[in-house]
Amino acid sequence: VEDEAQALMDRTKKEGRIMINDANNRFNDKIDGMEGYVKRELTNLESELNNKLTKALDNPLANR
């Protein structure tokens, strides 16, 4: 009985580690995806703000 209990504990530990590693990998993949998304959005925002600033500075009515 003791050997069976030990084998069950070992198997459970191994399965637990596998589940934790899988969850960690999924989490890291989500983080990487979010980083890419945020970088793209910031680049788009920067471009949009630069365009608006350029239009505002090039506006002849702004230099009264």
PDB file of N, CA and C in Angstrom:
ATOM      1  N   VAL A   1       0.837  -1.191   0.000  1.00  0.00           N
ATOM      2  CA  VAL A   1       0.000   0.000   0.000  1.00  0.00           C
ATOM      3  C   VAL A   1       0.881   1.252   0.000  1.00  0.00           C
ATOM      4  N   GLU A   2       1.958   1.204   0.772  1.00  0.00           N
ATOM      5  CA  GLU A   2       2.847   2.360   0.848  1.00  0.00           C
ATOM      6  C   GLU A   2       3.477   2.665  -0.512  1.00  0.00           C
ATOM      7  N   ASP A   3       3.889   1.624  -1.212  1.00  0.00           N
ATOM      8  CA  ASP A   3       4.483   1.823  -2.541  1.00  0.00           C
ATOM      9  C   ASP A   3       3.473   2.420  -3.524  1.00  0.00           C
ATOM     10  N   GLU A   4       2.239   1.941  -3.448  1.00  0.00           N
ATOM     11  CA  GLU A   4       1.186   2.471  -4.320  1.00  0.00           C
ATOM     12  C   GLU A   4       0.904   3.939  -4.002  1.00  0.00           C
ATOM     13  N   ALA A   5       0.881   4.268  -2.727  1.00  0.00           N
ATOM     14  CA  ALA A   5       0.642   5.654  -2.317  1.00  0.00           C
ATOM     15  C   ALA A   5       1.783   6.543  -2.780  1.00  0.00           C
ATOM     16  N   GLN A   6       3.004   6.072  -2.649  1.00  0.00           N
ATOM     17  CA  GLN A   6       4.162   6.848  -3.092  1.00  0.00           C
ATOM     18  C   GLN A   6       4.137   7.047  -4.605  1.00  0.00           C
ATOM     19  N   ALA A   7       3.784   5.995  -5.337  1.00  0.00           N
ATOM     20  CA  ALA A   7       3.706   6.092  -6.798  1.00  0.00           C
ATOM     21  C   ALA A   7       2.617   7.086  -7.204  1.00  0.00           C
ATOM     22  N   LEU A   8       1.500   7.056  -6.511  1.00  0.00           N
ATOM     23  CA  LEU A   8       0.409   7.989  -6.800  1.00  0.00           C
ATOM     24  C   LEU A   8       0.832   9.423  -6.512  1.00  0.00           C
ATOM     25  N   MET A   9       1.542   9.640  -5.410  1.00  0.00           N
ATOM     26  CA  MET A   9       2.031  10.990  -5.086  1.00  0.00           C
ATOM     27  C   MET A   9       3.030  11.469  -6.130  1.00  0.00           C
ATOM     28  N   ASP A  10       3.922  10.595  -6.550  1.00  0.00           N
ATOM     29  CA  ASP A  10       4.906  10.972  -7.568  1.00  0.00           C
ATOM     30  C   ASP A  10       4.231  11.326  -8.880  1.00  0.00           C
ATOM     31  N   ARG A  11       3.267  10.509  -9.284  1.00  0.00           N
ATOM     32  CA  ARG A  11       2.541  10.778 -10.526  1.00  0.00           C
ATOM     33  C   ARG A  11       1.773  12.092 -10.434  1.00  0.00           C
ATOM     34  N   THR A  12       1.163  12.337  -9.289  1.00  0.00           N
ATOM     35  CA  THR A  12       0.402  13.566  -9.091  1.00  0.00           C
ATOM     36  C   THR A  12       1.321  14.785  -9.138  1.00  0.00           C
ATOM     37  N   LYS A  13       2.510  14.683  -8.519  1.00  0.00           N
ATOM     38  CA  LYS A  13       3.484  15.779  -8.571  1.00  0.00           C
ATOM     39  C   LYS A  13       3.896  16.053 -10.013  1.00  0.00           C
ATOM     40  N   LYS A  14       4.191  14.985 -10.756  1.00  0.00           N
ATOM     41  CA  LYS A  14       4.619  15.124 -12.138  1.00  0.00           C
ATOM     42  C   LYS A  14       3.508  15.780 -12.974  1.00  0.00           C
ATOM     43  N   GLU A  15       2.281  15.317 -12.823  1.00  0.00           N
ATOM     44  CA  GLU A  15       1.159  15.882 -13.565  1.00  0.00           C
ATOM     45  C   GLU A  15       0.921  17.340 -13.163  1.00  0.00           C
ATOM     46  N   GLY A  16       1.091  17.626 -11.887  1.00  0.00           N
ATOM     47  CA  GLY A  16       0.935  19.002 -11.406  1.00  0.00           C
ATOM     48  C   GLY A  16       1.976  19.928 -12.019  1.00  0.00           C
ATOM     49  N   ARG A  17       3.219  19.475 -12.087  1.00  0.00           N
ATOM     50  CA  ARG A  17       4.276  20.276 -12.711  1.00  0.00           C
ATOM     51  C   ARG A  17       3.990  20.508 -14.190  1.00  0.00           C
ATOM     52  N   ILE A  18       3.518  19.483 -14.864  1.00  0.00           N
ATOM     53  CA  ILE A  18       3.181  19.612 -16.290  1.00  0.00           C
ATOM     54  C   ILE A  18       2.060  20.638 -16.475  1.00  0.00           C
ATOM     55  N   MET A  19       1.042  20.565 -15.638  1.00  0.00           N
ATOM     56  CA  MET A  19      -0.079  21.514 -15.733  1.00  0.00           C
ATOM     57  C   MET A  19       0.399  22.938 -15.463  1.00  0.00           C
ATOM     58  N   ILE A  20       1.255  23.107 -14.479  1.00  0.00           N
ATOM     59  CA  ILE A  20       1.780  24.437 -14.153  1.00  0.00           C
ATOM     60  C   ILE A  20       2.619  24.973 -15.308  1.00  0.00           C
ATOM     61  N   ASN A  21       3.469  24.140 -15.888  1.00  0.00           N
ATOM     62  CA  ASN A  21       4.284  24.567 -17.016  1.00  0.00           C
ATOM     63  C   ASN A  21       3.421  24.943 -18.219  1.00  0.00           C
ATOM     64  N   ASP A  22       2.388  24.149 -18.488  1.00  0.00           N
ATOM     65  CA  ASP A  22       1.479  24.460 -19.593  1.00  0.00           C
ATOM     66  C   ASP A  22       0.775  25.799 -19.361  1.00  0.00           C
ATOM     67  N   ALA A  23       0.297  26.009 -18.146  1.00  0.00           N
ATOM     68  CA  ALA A  23      -0.385  27.262 -17.825  1.00  0.00           C
ATOM     69  C   ALA A  23       0.585  28.436 -17.929  1.00  0.00           C
ATOM     70  N   ASN A  24       1.798  28.252 -17.485  1.00  0.00           N
ATOM     71  CA  ASN A  24       2.811  29.298 -17.570  1.00  0.00           C
ATOM     72  C   ASN A  24       3.116  29.640 -19.026  1.00  0.00           C
ATOM     73  N   ASN A  25       3.234  28.623 -19.866  1.00  0.00           N
ATOM     74  CA  ASN A  25       3.480  28.862 -21.286  1.00  0.00           C
ATOM     75  C   ASN A  25       2.319  29.618 -21.939  1.00  0.00           C
ATOM     76  N   ARG A  26       1.095  29.240 -21.617  1.00  0.00           N
ATOM     77  CA  ARG A  26      -0.070  29.954 -22.167  1.00  0.00           C
ATOM     78  C   ARG A  26      -0.089  31.397 -21.697  1.00  0.00           C
ATOM     79  N   PHE A  27       0.229  31.615 -20.422  1.00  0.00           N
ATOM     80  CA  PHE A  27       0.269  32.959 -19.879  1.00  0.00           C
ATOM     81  C   PHE A  27       1.325  33.799 -20.588  1.00  0.00           C
ATOM     82  N   ASN A  28       2.514  33.238 -20.775  1.00  0.00           N
ATOM     83  CA  ASN A  28       3.590  33.964 -21.460  1.00  0.00           C
ATOM     84  C   ASN A  28       3.213  34.285 -22.900  1.00  0.00           C
ATOM     85  N   ASP A  29       2.523  33.355 -23.566  1.00  0.00           N
ATOM     86  CA  ASP A  29       2.065  33.619 -24.932  1.00  0.00           C
ATOM     87  C   ASP A  29       1.079  34.780 -24.958  1.00  0.00           C
ATOM     88  N   LYS A  30       0.179  34.828 -23.989  1.00  0.00           N
ATOM     89  CA  LYS A  30      -0.785  35.932 -23.911  1.00  0.00           C
ATOM     90  C   LYS A  30      -0.072  37.255 -23.659  1.00  0.00           C
ATOM     91  N   ILE A  31       0.909  37.243 -22.778  1.00  0.00           N
ATOM     92  CA  ILE A  31       1.671  38.456 -22.476  1.00  0.00           C
ATOM     93  C   ILE A  31       2.396  38.946 -23.726  1.00  0.00           C
ATOM     94  N   ASP A  32       3.035  38.027 -24.447  1.00  0.00           N
ATOM     95  CA  ASP A  32       3.737  38.402 -25.678  1.00  0.00           C
ATOM     96  C   ASP A  32       2.772  39.006 -26.687  1.00  0.00           C
ATOM     97  N   GLY A  33       1.598  38.411 -26.805  1.00  0.00           N
ATOM     98  CA  GLY A  33       0.593  38.938 -27.724  1.00  0.00           C
ATOM     99  C   GLY A  33       0.132  40.328 -27.316  1.00  0.00           C
ATOM    100  N   MET A  34      -0.054  40.539 -26.039  1.00  0.00           N
ATOM    101  CA  MET A  34      -0.488  41.851 -25.561  1.00  0.00           C
ATOM    102  C   MET A  34       0.601  42.894 -25.771  1.00  0.00           C
ATOM    103  N   GLU A  35       1.851  42.521 -25.579  1.00  0.00           N
ATOM    104  CA  GLU A  35       2.952  43.465 -25.804  1.00  0.00           C
ATOM    105  C   GLU A  35       2.975  43.914 -27.257  1.00  0.00           C
ATOM    106  N   GLY A  36       2.797  42.981 -28.173  1.00  0.00           N
ATOM    107  CA  GLY A  36       2.758  43.328 -29.589  1.00  0.00           C
ATOM    108  C   GLY A  36       1.593  44.245 -29.914  1.00  0.00           C
ATOM    109  N   TYR A  37       0.440  43.942 -29.341  1.00  0.00           N
ATOM    110  CA  TYR A  37      -0.751  44.758 -29.566  1.00  0.00           C
ATOM    111  C   TYR A  37      -0.540  46.176 -29.046  1.00  0.00           C
ATOM    112  N   VAL A  38      -0.005  46.308 -27.851  1.00  0.00           N
ATOM    113  CA  VAL A  38       0.213  47.628 -27.248  1.00  0.00           C
ATOM    114  C   VAL A  38       1.224  48.425 -28.067  1.00  0.00           C
ATOM    115  N   LYS A  39       2.292  47.767 -28.523  1.00  0.00           N
ATOM    116  CA  LYS A  39       3.290  48.467 -29.341  1.00  0.00           C
ATOM    117  C   LYS A  39       2.672  48.974 -30.638  1.00  0.00           C
ATOM    118  N   ARG A  40       1.842  48.150 -31.290  1.00  0.00           N
ATOM    119  CA  ARG A  40       1.180  48.582 -32.531  1.00  0.00           C
ATOM    120  C   ARG A  40       0.252  49.760 -32.266  1.00  0.00           C
ATOM    121  N   GLU A  41      -0.512  49.681 -31.188  1.00  0.00           N
ATOM    122  CA  GLU A  41      -1.450  50.757 -30.868  1.00  0.00           C
ATOM    123  C   GLU A  41      -0.709  52.056 -30.543  1.00  0.00           C
ATOM    124  N   LEU A  42       0.390  51.962 -29.813  1.00  0.00           N
ATOM    125  CA  LEU A  42       1.169  53.162 -29.491  1.00  0.00           C
ATOM    126  C   LEU A  42       1.789  53.764 -30.744  1.00  0.00           C
ATOM    127  N   THR A  43       2.249  52.918 -31.646  1.00  0.00           N
ATOM    128  CA  THR A  43       2.811  53.411 -32.905  1.00  0.00           C
ATOM    129  C   THR A  43       1.728  54.125 -33.716  1.00  0.00           C
ATOM    130  N   ASN A  44       0.535  53.537 -33.780  1.00  0.00           N
ATOM    131  CA  ASN A  44      -0.567  54.169 -34.499  1.00  0.00           C
ATOM    132  C   ASN A  44      -0.954  55.498 -33.858  1.00  0.00           C
ATOM    133  N   LEU A  45      -1.004  55.531 -32.549  1.00  0.00           N
ATOM    134  CA  LEU A  45      -1.356  56.758 -31.834  1.00  0.00           C
ATOM    135  C   LEU A  45      -0.306  57.839 -32.076  1.00  0.00           C
ATOM    136  N   GLU A  46       0.955  57.455 -32.010  1.00  0.00           N
ATOM    137  CA  GLU A  46       2.030  58.416 -32.253  1.00  0.00           C
ATOM    138  C   GLU A  46       1.927  58.987 -33.669  1.00  0.00           C
ATOM    139  N   SER A  47       1.672  58.143 -34.629  1.00  0.00           N
ATOM    140  CA  SER A  47       1.544  58.587 -36.014  1.00  0.00           C
ATOM    141  C   SER A  47       0.361  59.536 -36.167  1.00  0.00           C
ATOM    142  N   GLU A  48      -0.753  59.193 -35.577  1.00  0.00           N
ATOM    143  CA  GLU A  48      -1.948  60.036 -35.646  1.00  0.00           C
ATOM    144  C   GLU A  48      -1.701  61.400 -34.996  1.00  0.00           C
ATOM    145  N   LEU A  49      -1.058  61.388 -33.832  1.00  0.00           N
ATOM    146  CA  LEU A  49      -0.767  62.653 -33.148  1.00  0.00           C
ATOM    147  C   LEU A  49       0.227  63.500 -33.944  1.00  0.00           C
ATOM    148  N   ASN A  50       1.217  62.862 -34.550  1.00  0.00           N
ATOM    149  CA  ASN A  50       2.171  63.596 -35.385  1.00  0.00           C
ATOM    150  C   ASN A  50       1.469  64.236 -36.585  1.00  0.00           C
ATOM    151  N   ASN A  51       0.560  63.501 -37.208  1.00  0.00           N
ATOM    152  CA  ASN A  51      -0.192  64.053 -38.337  1.00  0.00           C
ATOM    153  C   ASN A  51      -1.031  65.253 -37.914  1.00  0.00           C
ATOM    154  N   LYS A  52      -1.711  65.139 -36.783  1.00  0.00           N
ATOM    155  CA  LYS A  52      -2.537  66.243 -36.301  1.00  0.00           C
ATOM    156  C   LYS A  52      -1.673  67.451 -35.933  1.00  0.00           C
ATOM    157  N   LEU A  53      -0.548  67.207 -35.321  1.00  0.00           N
ATOM    158  CA  LEU A  53       0.358  68.294 -34.949  1.00  0.00           C
ATOM    159  C   LEU A  53       0.904  68.981 -36.193  1.00  0.00           C
ATOM    160  N   THR A  54       1.274  68.205 -37.193  1.00  0.00           N
ATOM    161  CA  THR A  54       1.781  68.771 -38.444  1.00  0.00           C
ATOM    162  C   THR A  54       0.711  69.629 -39.116  1.00  0.00           C
ATOM    163  N   LYS A  55      -0.522  69.134 -39.151  1.00  0.00           N
ATOM    164  CA  LYS A  55      -1.618  69.911 -39.742  1.00  0.00           C
ATOM    165  C   LYS A  55      -1.837  71.210 -38.977  1.00  0.00           C
ATOM    166  N   ALA A  56      -1.771  71.126 -37.657  1.00  0.00           N
ATOM    167  CA  ALA A  56      -1.983  72.321 -36.841  1.00  0.00           C
ATOM    168  C   ALA A  56      -0.865  73.340 -37.063  1.00  0.00           C
ATOM    169  N   LEU A  57       0.362  72.895 -37.161  1.00  0.00           N
ATOM    170  CA  LEU A  57       1.484  73.795 -37.363  1.00  0.00           C
ATOM    171  C   LEU A  57       1.519  74.364 -38.783  1.00  0.00           C
ATOM    172  N   ASP A  58       1.020  73.611 -39.745  1.00  0.00           N
ATOM    173  CA  ASP A  58       0.988  74.079 -41.131  1.00  0.00           C
ATOM    174  C   ASP A  58      -0.231  74.935 -41.434  1.00  0.00           C
ATOM    175  N   ASN A  59      -1.127  75.085 -40.507  1.00  0.00           N
ATOM    176  CA  ASN A  59      -2.350  75.868 -40.716  1.00  0.00           C
ATOM    177  C   ASN A  59      -1.987  77.361 -40.782  1.00  0.00           C
ATOM    178  N   PRO A  60      -2.258  77.991 -41.945  1.00  0.00           N
ATOM    179  CA  PRO A  60      -1.907  79.415 -42.067  1.00  0.00           C
ATOM    180  C   PRO A  60      -2.727  80.315 -41.138  1.00  0.00           C
ATOM    181  N   LEU A  61      -3.897  79.861 -40.728  1.00  0.00           N
ATOM    182  CA  LEU A  61      -4.714  80.679 -39.831  1.00  0.00           C
ATOM    183  C   LEU A  61      -4.197  80.661 -38.410  1.00  0.00           C
ATOM    184  N   ALA A  62      -3.328  79.719 -38.097  1.00  0.00           N
ATOM    185  CA  ALA A  62      -2.783  79.634 -36.743  1.00  0.00           C
ATOM    186  C   ALA A  62      -1.733  80.709 -36.483  1.00  0.00           C
ATOM    187  N   ASN A  63      -1.169  81.307 -37.532  1.00  0.00           N
ATOM    188  CA  ASN A  63      -0.119  82.323 -37.401  1.00  0.00           C
ATOM    189  C   ASN A  63      -0.696  83.711 -37.622  1.00  0.00           C
ATOM    190  N   ARG A  64      -1.614  84.132 -36.833  1.00  0.00           N
ATOM    191  CA  ARG A  64      -2.272  85.441 -37.017  1.00  0.00           C
ATOM    192  C   ARG A  64      -1.306  86.561 -36.780  1.00  0.00           C
TER     193      ARG A  64
END
